[in-house]
Amino acid sequence: MRIMAFVLAVTAGCSSPSTGVENIDRAAQAAALEAALAGENISDPAALPLEGTANYAGFMTLNLPTVDGRQANVGDLNLAVDFGATSNQVSGGVSNFSGTTGTLDISGGDLNRGADPDMDFTFDGALSGTLQTGSTAFDIDGNLLGEFRGRDQYGLTGIVSGTITGSGSQDIFDGSMAATRTD
């Protein structure tokens, strides 16, 4: 829990004008949260709770194609984990993207309690929705892979990838996510 105060200060910067971190842009906040959590141990998948729920808030960064290469678009990530469910154990959404409008849904996520944390991710999920830039809509179809961080799963990190379709063409994207437990 030693990074919890730092993580809370970084994530609170979005909503509290008196924290002193409000001038840090969202990309810097996302990178700081991801770096802080990456320094923590991966939670043992076999020791995940068998019941109960947990909610997480943080950031998802999508590296979306542009005419000049790639641009990082940071959104607010909210994930719900139902440790006792038999299906759709991980769900949520991403909204308030920088550089674009729209929301993405996270659904169909499964926990992998038998994962080897040196080789596999602890959970997965489907990522879908539409993002819009100006008058052009882009359909997102992707996946996320993640792992819990800390002895009590107080954080999570992971990767995202998929396809983006719009304006008569299709391309690929990748990205990352990081969040801390809110309950």
N, C-alpha and C. Protein backbone atom coordinates (compact mmCIF):
# COMPACT_ATOMS: atom_id res chain seq x y z
N MET A 1 0.81 -1.19 0.00
CA MET A 1 0.00 0.00 0.00
C MET A 1 0.85 1.26 0.00
N ARG A 2 2.15 1.13 -0.09
CA ARG A 2 3.02 2.30 0.01
C ARG A 2 2.83 3.30 -1.12
N ILE A 3 2.34 2.84 -2.27
CA ILE A 3 2.13 3.80 -3.35
C ILE A 3 0.72 4.36 -3.36
N MET A 4 -0.13 3.88 -2.49
CA MET A 4 -1.53 4.29 -2.52
C MET A 4 -1.69 5.80 -2.41
N ALA A 5 -0.97 6.44 -1.52
CA ALA A 5 -1.10 7.90 -1.38
C ALA A 5 -0.70 8.61 -2.66
N PHE A 6 0.37 8.15 -3.30
CA PHE A 6 0.81 8.74 -4.56
C PHE A 6 -0.25 8.52 -5.64
N VAL A 7 -0.75 7.29 -5.74
CA VAL A 7 -1.75 6.97 -6.74
C VAL A 7 -3.01 7.80 -6.55
N LEU A 8 -3.46 7.93 -5.32
CA LEU A 8 -4.65 8.73 -5.06
C LEU A 8 -4.42 10.19 -5.41
N ALA A 9 -3.25 10.71 -5.12
CA ALA A 9 -2.96 12.10 -5.46
C ALA A 9 -2.95 12.31 -6.96
N VAL A 10 -2.38 11.36 -7.71
CA VAL A 10 -2.33 11.48 -9.16
C VAL A 10 -3.73 11.39 -9.75
N THR A 11 -4.53 10.41 -9.31
CA THR A 11 -5.86 10.27 -9.89
C THR A 11 -6.81 11.36 -9.43
N ALA A 12 -6.59 11.91 -8.26
CA ALA A 12 -7.45 12.99 -7.77
C ALA A 12 -7.22 14.29 -8.53
N GLY A 13 -6.11 14.40 -9.22
CA GLY A 13 -5.79 15.63 -9.93
C GLY A 13 -6.82 16.02 -10.96
N CYS A 14 -7.58 15.06 -11.44
CA CYS A 14 -8.60 15.37 -12.44
C CYS A 14 -9.77 16.14 -11.84
N SER A 15 -10.04 15.95 -10.56
CA SER A 15 -11.26 16.51 -10.03
C SER A 15 -11.08 17.51 -8.89
N SER A 16 -9.90 17.64 -8.36
CA SER A 16 -9.72 18.50 -7.20
C SER A 16 -8.75 19.63 -7.51
N PRO A 17 -9.25 20.87 -7.59
CA PRO A 17 -8.38 21.97 -7.96
C PRO A 17 -7.39 22.35 -6.86
N SER A 18 -7.49 21.77 -5.67
CA SER A 18 -6.58 22.15 -4.60
C SER A 18 -5.47 21.14 -4.35
N THR A 19 -5.32 20.12 -5.20
CA THR A 19 -4.32 19.09 -4.96
C THR A 19 -2.92 19.50 -5.39
N GLY A 20 -2.81 20.48 -6.27
CA GLY A 20 -1.50 20.86 -6.76
C GLY A 20 -1.06 20.06 -7.97
N VAL A 21 -1.81 19.03 -8.36
CA VAL A 21 -1.43 18.23 -9.52
C VAL A 21 -2.36 18.44 -10.70
N GLU A 22 -3.27 19.42 -10.60
CA GLU A 22 -4.25 19.61 -11.66
C GLU A 22 -3.62 20.03 -12.98
N ASN A 23 -2.41 20.55 -12.97
CA ASN A 23 -1.78 20.98 -14.21
C ASN A 23 -1.07 19.84 -14.93
N ILE A 24 -0.99 18.67 -14.30
CA ILE A 24 -0.41 17.53 -14.98
C ILE A 24 -1.42 17.05 -16.01
N ASP A 25 -1.00 16.92 -17.27
CA ASP A 25 -1.97 16.48 -18.27
C ASP A 25 -2.33 15.01 -18.07
N ARG A 26 -3.41 14.61 -18.71
CA ARG A 26 -3.94 13.27 -18.52
C ARG A 26 -2.95 12.18 -18.95
N ALA A 27 -2.20 12.42 -20.01
CA ALA A 27 -1.21 11.43 -20.44
C ALA A 27 -0.14 11.24 -19.36
N ALA A 28 0.27 12.32 -18.74
CA ALA A 28 1.27 12.23 -17.67
C ALA A 28 0.68 11.53 -16.45
N GLN A 29 -0.58 11.81 -16.15
CA GLN A 29 -1.24 11.13 -15.03
C GLN A 29 -1.33 9.63 -15.29
N ALA A 30 -1.72 9.26 -16.49
CA ALA A 30 -1.83 7.85 -16.84
C ALA A 30 -0.47 7.16 -16.76
N ALA A 31 0.56 7.80 -17.28
CA ALA A 31 1.91 7.21 -17.25
C ALA A 31 2.41 7.08 -15.81
N ALA A 32 2.14 8.08 -14.98
CA ALA A 32 2.58 8.02 -13.58
C ALA A 32 1.88 6.90 -12.82
N LEU A 33 0.59 6.74 -13.05
CA LEU A 33 -0.16 5.67 -12.39
C LEU A 33 0.34 4.31 -12.85
N GLU A 34 0.53 4.16 -14.15
CA GLU A 34 1.02 2.88 -14.68
C GLU A 34 2.40 2.55 -14.12
N ALA A 35 3.29 3.53 -14.07
CA ALA A 35 4.64 3.30 -13.54
C ALA A 35 4.61 2.93 -12.06
N ALA A 36 3.76 3.61 -11.29
CA ALA A 36 3.66 3.32 -9.87
C ALA A 36 3.16 1.90 -9.63
N LEU A 37 2.15 1.49 -10.38
CA LEU A 37 1.59 0.15 -10.20
C LEU A 37 2.52 -0.93 -10.74
N ALA A 38 3.26 -0.64 -11.80
CA ALA A 38 4.18 -1.63 -12.38
C ALA A 38 5.27 -2.02 -11.39
N GLY A 39 5.56 -1.16 -10.43
CA GLY A 39 6.56 -1.47 -9.42
C GLY A 39 6.06 -2.39 -8.32
N GLU A 40 4.78 -2.70 -8.33
CA GLU A 40 4.20 -3.57 -7.32
C GLU A 40 4.12 -5.02 -7.82
N ASN A 41 4.10 -5.95 -6.92
CA ASN A 41 4.01 -7.36 -7.27
C ASN A 41 2.68 -7.67 -7.94
N ILE A 42 2.72 -8.63 -8.87
CA ILE A 42 1.48 -9.13 -9.47
C ILE A 42 0.79 -10.01 -8.43
N SER A 43 -0.50 -9.79 -8.24
CA SER A 43 -1.28 -10.59 -7.30
C SER A 43 -1.30 -12.04 -7.77
N ASP A 44 -1.18 -12.97 -6.84
CA ASP A 44 -1.22 -14.39 -7.16
C ASP A 44 -2.62 -14.75 -7.66
N PRO A 45 -2.76 -15.18 -8.92
CA PRO A 45 -4.09 -15.50 -9.46
C PRO A 45 -4.81 -16.59 -8.66
N ALA A 46 -4.07 -17.54 -8.12
CA ALA A 46 -4.69 -18.62 -7.34
C ALA A 46 -5.25 -18.12 -6.01
N ALA A 47 -4.80 -16.96 -5.56
CA ALA A 47 -5.25 -16.41 -4.27
C ALA A 47 -6.34 -15.36 -4.43
N LEU A 48 -6.89 -15.19 -5.64
CA LEU A 48 -7.97 -14.22 -5.83
C LEU A 48 -9.17 -14.63 -5.00
N PRO A 49 -9.94 -13.66 -4.50
CA PRO A 49 -11.14 -14.00 -3.73
C PRO A 49 -12.10 -14.86 -4.56
N LEU A 50 -12.87 -15.70 -3.89
CA LEU A 50 -13.85 -16.54 -4.56
C LEU A 50 -15.24 -15.91 -4.57
N GLU A 51 -15.40 -14.82 -3.83
CA GLU A 51 -16.67 -14.09 -3.81
C GLU A 51 -16.38 -12.62 -3.57
N GLY A 52 -17.42 -11.82 -3.74
CA GLY A 52 -17.28 -10.38 -3.55
C GLY A 52 -17.00 -9.65 -4.84
N THR A 53 -16.97 -8.33 -4.75
CA THR A 53 -16.75 -7.49 -5.91
C THR A 53 -15.69 -6.44 -5.60
N ALA A 54 -15.16 -5.86 -6.64
CA ALA A 54 -14.20 -4.76 -6.51
C ALA A 54 -14.40 -3.82 -7.68
N ASN A 55 -14.26 -2.54 -7.42
CA ASN A 55 -14.37 -1.51 -8.46
C ASN A 55 -13.04 -0.79 -8.58
N TYR A 56 -12.68 -0.47 -9.81
CA TYR A 56 -11.39 0.17 -10.11
C TYR A 56 -11.63 1.40 -10.98
N ALA A 57 -10.82 2.43 -10.75
CA ALA A 57 -10.87 3.64 -11.58
C ALA A 57 -9.44 4.03 -11.94
N GLY A 58 -9.27 4.48 -13.17
CA GLY A 58 -7.94 4.88 -13.62
C GLY A 58 -8.01 5.38 -15.05
N PHE A 59 -7.05 4.93 -15.85
CA PHE A 59 -6.91 5.43 -17.21
C PHE A 59 -6.68 4.29 -18.20
N MET A 60 -7.16 4.50 -19.43
CA MET A 60 -6.80 3.65 -20.56
C MET A 60 -6.24 4.56 -21.63
N THR A 61 -5.10 4.19 -22.18
CA THR A 61 -4.47 4.95 -23.25
C THR A 61 -4.52 4.12 -24.52
N LEU A 62 -5.14 4.65 -25.56
CA LEU A 62 -5.20 4.00 -26.86
C LEU A 62 -4.30 4.75 -27.83
N ASN A 63 -3.39 4.05 -28.47
CA ASN A 63 -2.50 4.63 -29.49
C ASN A 63 -3.20 4.44 -30.83
N LEU A 64 -3.96 5.48 -31.22
CA LEU A 64 -4.79 5.39 -32.42
C LEU A 64 -4.06 5.96 -33.64
N PRO A 65 -4.32 5.37 -34.82
CA PRO A 65 -3.66 5.84 -36.02
C PRO A 65 -4.16 7.22 -36.45
N THR A 66 -3.23 8.00 -36.97
CA THR A 66 -3.54 9.31 -37.56
C THR A 66 -2.81 9.40 -38.89
N VAL A 67 -3.04 10.46 -39.62
CA VAL A 67 -2.33 10.62 -40.89
C VAL A 67 -0.83 10.80 -40.66
N ASP A 68 -0.42 11.22 -39.46
CA ASP A 68 0.98 11.45 -39.16
C ASP A 68 1.62 10.33 -38.35
N GLY A 69 0.92 9.24 -38.14
CA GLY A 69 1.47 8.14 -37.35
C GLY A 69 0.48 7.66 -36.30
N ARG A 70 0.81 7.84 -35.05
CA ARG A 70 -0.03 7.41 -33.93
C ARG A 70 -0.20 8.55 -32.93
N GLN A 71 -1.36 8.58 -32.28
CA GLN A 71 -1.62 9.59 -31.25
C GLN A 71 -2.22 8.88 -30.04
N ALA A 72 -1.68 9.20 -28.86
CA ALA A 72 -2.21 8.64 -27.62
C ALA A 72 -3.48 9.38 -27.23
N ASN A 73 -4.55 8.63 -27.03
CA ASN A 73 -5.83 9.18 -26.57
C ASN A 73 -6.13 8.55 -25.22
N VAL A 74 -6.19 9.36 -24.18
CA VAL A 74 -6.37 8.87 -22.81
C VAL A 74 -7.82 9.01 -22.39
N GLY A 75 -8.38 7.94 -21.84
CA GLY A 75 -9.75 7.95 -21.35
C GLY A 75 -9.82 7.52 -19.90
N ASP A 76 -10.95 7.83 -19.27
CA ASP A 76 -11.20 7.44 -17.88
C ASP A 76 -11.72 6.01 -17.86
N LEU A 77 -11.00 5.13 -17.19
CA LEU A 77 -11.34 3.71 -17.12
C LEU A 77 -12.07 3.41 -15.82
N ASN A 78 -13.17 2.69 -15.93
CA ASN A 78 -13.90 2.17 -14.77
C ASN A 78 -14.16 0.70 -15.01
N LEU A 79 -13.68 -0.13 -14.08
CA LEU A 79 -13.86 -1.58 -14.19
C LEU A 79 -14.53 -2.11 -12.93
N ALA A 80 -15.40 -3.08 -13.12
CA ALA A 80 -16.03 -3.80 -12.01
C ALA A 80 -15.64 -5.26 -12.14
N VAL A 81 -15.22 -5.85 -11.02
CA VAL A 81 -14.84 -7.26 -11.00
C VAL A 81 -15.76 -7.97 -10.03
N ASP A 82 -16.40 -9.04 -10.52
CA ASP A 82 -17.25 -9.87 -9.67
C ASP A 82 -16.53 -11.21 -9.50
N PHE A 83 -15.84 -11.36 -8.37
CA PHE A 83 -15.01 -12.54 -8.15
C PHE A 83 -15.82 -13.82 -8.03
N GLY A 84 -17.10 -13.74 -7.68
CA GLY A 84 -17.93 -14.93 -7.50
C GLY A 84 -18.74 -15.31 -8.72
N ALA A 85 -18.77 -14.49 -9.74
CA ALA A 85 -19.57 -14.77 -10.93
C ALA A 85 -18.97 -15.92 -11.74
N THR A 86 -19.82 -16.60 -12.49
CA THR A 86 -19.34 -17.68 -13.35
C THR A 86 -19.08 -17.21 -14.77
N SER A 87 -19.57 -16.02 -15.13
CA SER A 87 -19.29 -15.43 -16.44
C SER A 87 -19.33 -13.91 -16.30
N ASN A 88 -18.79 -13.23 -17.30
CA ASN A 88 -18.74 -11.76 -17.30
C ASN A 88 -18.22 -11.22 -15.96
N GLN A 89 -17.10 -11.78 -15.52
CA GLN A 89 -16.52 -11.41 -14.23
C GLN A 89 -15.87 -10.03 -14.25
N VAL A 90 -15.49 -9.56 -15.44
CA VAL A 90 -14.87 -8.25 -15.58
C VAL A 90 -15.68 -7.45 -16.59
N SER A 91 -16.14 -6.26 -16.19
CA SER A 91 -16.93 -5.41 -17.08
C SER A 91 -16.67 -3.95 -16.73
N GLY A 92 -17.11 -3.06 -17.59
CA GLY A 92 -16.92 -1.64 -17.31
C GLY A 92 -16.98 -0.80 -18.56
N GLY A 93 -16.26 0.32 -18.52
CA GLY A 93 -16.26 1.22 -19.65
C GLY A 93 -15.15 2.24 -19.59
N VAL A 94 -14.99 2.93 -20.71
CA VAL A 94 -13.99 3.98 -20.85
C VAL A 94 -14.67 5.18 -21.49
N SER A 95 -14.49 6.37 -20.90
CA SER A 95 -15.13 7.58 -21.42
C SER A 95 -14.18 8.76 -21.27
N ASN A 96 -14.64 9.92 -21.68
CA ASN A 96 -13.88 11.17 -21.55
C ASN A 96 -12.50 11.09 -22.19
N PHE A 97 -12.44 10.55 -23.40
CA PHE A 97 -11.16 10.45 -24.10
C PHE A 97 -10.63 11.83 -24.48
N SER A 98 -9.33 11.99 -24.42
CA SER A 98 -8.69 13.20 -24.93
C SER A 98 -8.63 13.08 -26.45
N GLY A 99 -8.93 14.13 -27.15
CA GLY A 99 -8.81 14.14 -28.59
C GLY A 99 -9.96 13.53 -29.36
N THR A 100 -10.97 12.98 -28.67
CA THR A 100 -12.09 12.37 -29.36
C THR A 100 -13.27 12.27 -28.40
N THR A 101 -14.44 11.99 -28.92
CA THR A 101 -15.61 11.79 -28.07
C THR A 101 -16.11 10.36 -28.23
N GLY A 102 -16.95 9.92 -27.32
CA GLY A 102 -17.51 8.59 -27.37
C GLY A 102 -17.12 7.77 -26.16
N THR A 103 -17.72 6.60 -26.06
CA THR A 103 -17.43 5.70 -24.95
C THR A 103 -17.18 4.30 -25.50
N LEU A 104 -16.42 3.53 -24.73
CA LEU A 104 -16.16 2.14 -25.06
C LEU A 104 -16.66 1.27 -23.92
N ASP A 105 -17.24 0.13 -24.27
CA ASP A 105 -17.73 -0.83 -23.28
C ASP A 105 -16.72 -1.95 -23.12
N ILE A 106 -16.61 -2.43 -21.89
CA ILE A 106 -15.79 -3.60 -21.57
C ILE A 106 -16.75 -4.67 -21.08
N SER A 107 -16.72 -5.83 -21.71
CA SER A 107 -17.67 -6.89 -21.35
C SER A 107 -17.03 -8.26 -21.55
N GLY A 108 -17.74 -9.27 -21.04
CA GLY A 108 -17.33 -10.65 -21.27
C GLY A 108 -16.00 -11.03 -20.65
N GLY A 109 -15.55 -10.29 -19.65
CA GLY A 109 -14.26 -10.56 -19.05
C GLY A 109 -14.26 -11.78 -18.16
N ASP A 110 -13.18 -12.53 -18.22
CA ASP A 110 -13.03 -13.73 -17.40
C ASP A 110 -11.76 -13.64 -16.56
N LEU A 111 -11.82 -14.21 -15.37
CA LEU A 111 -10.65 -14.35 -14.50
C LEU A 111 -9.97 -15.68 -14.81
N ASN A 112 -8.66 -15.69 -14.79
CA ASN A 112 -7.89 -16.92 -15.01
C ASN A 112 -7.11 -17.22 -13.73
N ARG A 113 -7.76 -17.90 -12.81
CA ARG A 113 -7.15 -18.21 -11.51
C ARG A 113 -5.98 -19.18 -11.64
N GLY A 114 -5.88 -19.89 -12.74
CA GLY A 114 -4.78 -20.83 -12.96
C GLY A 114 -3.62 -20.23 -13.74
N ALA A 115 -3.65 -18.93 -13.97
CA ALA A 115 -2.60 -18.29 -14.77
C ALA A 115 -1.26 -18.33 -14.06
N ASP A 116 -0.21 -18.53 -14.84
CA ASP A 116 1.16 -18.37 -14.34
C ASP A 116 1.51 -16.91 -14.55
N PRO A 117 1.65 -16.11 -13.48
CA PRO A 117 1.86 -14.67 -13.65
C PRO A 117 3.14 -14.30 -14.40
N ASP A 118 4.06 -15.25 -14.55
CA ASP A 118 5.25 -14.99 -15.35
C ASP A 118 5.00 -15.16 -16.84
N MET A 119 3.88 -15.82 -17.19
CA MET A 119 3.62 -16.14 -18.59
C MET A 119 2.27 -15.63 -19.09
N ASP A 120 1.28 -15.53 -18.20
CA ASP A 120 -0.09 -15.25 -18.61
C ASP A 120 -0.66 -14.05 -17.88
N PHE A 121 -1.74 -13.52 -18.42
CA PHE A 121 -2.48 -12.47 -17.74
C PHE A 121 -3.56 -13.09 -16.86
N THR A 122 -4.00 -12.35 -15.85
CA THR A 122 -4.97 -12.86 -14.88
C THR A 122 -6.41 -12.68 -15.35
N PHE A 123 -6.68 -11.69 -16.19
CA PHE A 123 -8.05 -11.49 -16.69
C PHE A 123 -8.02 -10.94 -18.10
N ASP A 124 -9.18 -11.07 -18.75
CA ASP A 124 -9.33 -10.55 -20.10
C ASP A 124 -10.70 -9.92 -20.24
N GLY A 125 -10.96 -9.33 -21.38
CA GLY A 125 -12.26 -8.75 -21.66
C GLY A 125 -12.32 -8.23 -23.08
N ALA A 126 -13.53 -8.00 -23.56
CA ALA A 126 -13.75 -7.44 -24.89
C ALA A 126 -13.96 -5.94 -24.78
N LEU A 127 -13.42 -5.20 -25.73
CA LEU A 127 -13.52 -3.74 -25.77
C LEU A 127 -14.23 -3.36 -27.07
N SER A 128 -15.34 -2.60 -26.96
CA SER A 128 -16.07 -2.23 -28.17
C SER A 128 -16.78 -0.89 -27.97
N GLY A 129 -17.05 -0.23 -29.09
CA GLY A 129 -17.77 1.03 -29.05
C GLY A 129 -17.38 1.90 -30.22
N THR A 130 -17.79 3.15 -30.15
CA THR A 130 -17.53 4.10 -31.22
C THR A 130 -16.91 5.37 -30.66
N LEU A 131 -15.84 5.81 -31.29
CA LEU A 131 -15.21 7.08 -30.97
C LEU A 131 -15.39 8.00 -32.16
N GLN A 132 -15.53 9.29 -31.91
CA GLN A 132 -15.79 10.23 -32.99
C GLN A 132 -14.81 11.39 -32.92
N THR A 133 -14.26 11.73 -34.08
CA THR A 133 -13.41 12.90 -34.24
C THR A 133 -14.06 13.77 -35.29
N GLY A 134 -14.51 14.95 -34.88
CA GLY A 134 -15.24 15.79 -35.82
C GLY A 134 -16.51 15.08 -36.25
N SER A 135 -16.72 14.95 -37.57
CA SER A 135 -17.92 14.27 -38.07
C SER A 135 -17.65 12.81 -38.44
N THR A 136 -16.44 12.32 -38.17
CA THR A 136 -16.09 10.95 -38.54
C THR A 136 -16.16 10.02 -37.33
N ALA A 137 -16.92 8.95 -37.48
CA ALA A 137 -17.07 7.94 -36.42
C ALA A 137 -16.13 6.77 -36.71
N PHE A 138 -15.53 6.24 -35.66
CA PHE A 138 -14.63 5.11 -35.76
C PHE A 138 -15.10 4.00 -34.83
N ASP A 139 -15.30 2.81 -35.38
CA ASP A 139 -15.71 1.66 -34.58
C ASP A 139 -14.47 0.99 -34.01
N ILE A 140 -14.51 0.73 -32.72
CA ILE A 140 -13.42 0.07 -32.01
C ILE A 140 -13.85 -1.35 -31.68
N ASP A 141 -13.00 -2.31 -32.00
CA ASP A 141 -13.23 -3.71 -31.66
C ASP A 141 -11.90 -4.27 -31.16
N GLY A 142 -11.83 -4.55 -29.87
CA GLY A 142 -10.56 -4.98 -29.32
C GLY A 142 -10.68 -5.88 -28.11
N ASN A 143 -9.55 -6.13 -27.50
CA ASN A 143 -9.45 -6.97 -26.32
C ASN A 143 -8.52 -6.31 -25.31
N LEU A 144 -8.74 -6.65 -24.05
CA LEU A 144 -7.82 -6.22 -23.02
C LEU A 144 -7.36 -7.44 -22.23
N LEU A 145 -6.12 -7.37 -21.77
CA LEU A 145 -5.50 -8.41 -20.95
C LEU A 145 -4.89 -7.71 -19.76
N GLY A 146 -5.15 -8.21 -18.55
CA GLY A 146 -4.65 -7.51 -17.38
C GLY A 146 -4.27 -8.42 -16.23
N GLU A 147 -3.69 -7.78 -15.24
CA GLU A 147 -3.30 -8.46 -14.02
C GLU A 147 -3.52 -7.53 -12.84
N PHE A 148 -3.84 -8.13 -11.71
CA PHE A 148 -4.03 -7.37 -10.49
C PHE A 148 -2.67 -7.13 -9.84
N ARG A 149 -2.56 -6.03 -9.11
CA ARG A 149 -1.31 -5.67 -8.45
C ARG A 149 -1.53 -5.56 -6.95
N GLY A 150 -0.56 -6.04 -6.19
CA GLY A 150 -0.62 -5.95 -4.73
C GLY A 150 -1.28 -7.16 -4.11
N ARG A 151 -0.98 -7.36 -2.84
CA ARG A 151 -1.48 -8.52 -2.11
C ARG A 151 -3.01 -8.56 -2.08
N ASP A 152 -3.65 -7.41 -2.00
CA ASP A 152 -5.11 -7.34 -1.90
C ASP A 152 -5.76 -6.82 -3.18
N GLN A 153 -5.09 -7.00 -4.31
CA GLN A 153 -5.60 -6.57 -5.62
C GLN A 153 -6.01 -5.10 -5.62
N TYR A 154 -5.21 -4.23 -5.00
CA TYR A 154 -5.61 -2.82 -4.93
C TYR A 154 -5.32 -2.04 -6.21
N GLY A 155 -4.67 -2.66 -7.17
CA GLY A 155 -4.44 -2.01 -8.45
C GLY A 155 -4.50 -3.02 -9.57
N LEU A 156 -4.53 -2.52 -10.80
CA LEU A 156 -4.45 -3.40 -11.97
C LEU A 156 -3.74 -2.67 -13.09
N THR A 157 -3.07 -3.45 -13.93
CA THR A 157 -2.41 -2.94 -15.13
C THR A 157 -2.70 -3.91 -16.27
N GLY A 158 -2.50 -3.45 -17.48
CA GLY A 158 -2.72 -4.34 -18.61
C GLY A 158 -2.50 -3.68 -19.95
N ILE A 159 -2.78 -4.44 -20.98
CA ILE A 159 -2.61 -3.99 -22.36
C ILE A 159 -3.93 -4.12 -23.11
N VAL A 160 -4.07 -3.35 -24.16
CA VAL A 160 -5.24 -3.42 -25.03
C VAL A 160 -4.76 -3.45 -26.48
N SER A 161 -5.54 -4.07 -27.35
CA SER A 161 -5.23 -4.08 -28.77
C SER A 161 -6.50 -4.39 -29.54
N GLY A 162 -6.48 -4.06 -30.83
CA GLY A 162 -7.65 -4.35 -31.65
C GLY A 162 -7.61 -3.62 -32.97
N THR A 163 -8.81 -3.49 -33.55
CA THR A 163 -8.94 -2.82 -34.84
C THR A 163 -9.82 -1.57 -34.68
N ILE A 164 -9.54 -0.59 -35.52
CA ILE A 164 -10.33 0.63 -35.60
C ILE A 164 -10.77 0.77 -37.06
N THR A 165 -12.09 0.95 -37.26
CA THR A 165 -12.64 1.01 -38.60
C THR A 165 -13.42 2.31 -38.76
N GLY A 166 -13.16 3.03 -39.85
CA GLY A 166 -13.87 4.27 -40.14
C GLY A 166 -13.37 4.89 -41.41
N SER A 167 -14.17 5.74 -42.00
CA SER A 167 -13.82 6.44 -43.24
C SER A 167 -13.37 5.47 -44.33
N GLY A 168 -14.00 4.31 -44.38
CA GLY A 168 -13.70 3.35 -45.44
C GLY A 168 -12.40 2.60 -45.28
N SER A 169 -11.78 2.64 -44.11
CA SER A 169 -10.53 1.91 -43.93
C SER A 169 -10.49 1.28 -42.54
N GLN A 170 -9.54 0.37 -42.40
CA GLN A 170 -9.36 -0.30 -41.12
C GLN A 170 -7.88 -0.31 -40.76
N ASP A 171 -7.58 -0.18 -39.47
CA ASP A 171 -6.20 -0.18 -39.00
C ASP A 171 -6.19 -0.86 -37.64
N ILE A 172 -5.01 -1.02 -37.07
CA ILE A 172 -4.88 -1.63 -35.75
C ILE A 172 -4.49 -0.56 -34.73
N PHE A 173 -4.73 -0.87 -33.46
CA PHE A 173 -4.29 0.01 -32.39
C PHE A 173 -3.80 -0.86 -31.24
N ASP A 174 -3.07 -0.23 -30.34
CA ASP A 174 -2.67 -0.87 -29.10
C ASP A 174 -2.76 0.16 -27.99
N GLY A 175 -2.46 -0.26 -26.79
CA GLY A 175 -2.52 0.68 -25.68
C GLY A 175 -2.30 -0.02 -24.36
N SER A 176 -2.60 0.72 -23.29
CA SER A 176 -2.37 0.20 -21.94
C SER A 176 -3.45 0.73 -21.01
N MET A 177 -3.49 0.13 -19.81
CA MET A 177 -4.44 0.58 -18.81
C MET A 177 -3.83 0.43 -17.42
N ALA A 178 -4.29 1.26 -16.51
CA ALA A 178 -3.86 1.19 -15.11
C ALA A 178 -4.98 1.80 -14.27
N ALA A 179 -5.26 1.16 -13.13
CA ALA A 179 -6.34 1.65 -12.26
C ALA A 179 -6.09 1.19 -10.83
N THR A 180 -6.72 1.89 -9.89
CA THR A 180 -6.65 1.52 -8.48
C THR A 180 -8.06 1.23 -7.97
N ARG A 181 -8.09 0.44 -6.94
CA ARG A 181 -9.36 0.03 -6.34
C ARG A 181 -10.01 1.21 -5.64
N THR A 182 -11.32 1.35 -5.83
CA THR A 182 -12.03 2.49 -5.25
C THR A 182 -12.90 2.10 -4.06
N ASP A 183 -13.00 0.82 -3.75
CA ASP A 183 -13.82 0.40 -2.61
C ASP A 183 -13.05 -0.50 -1.66
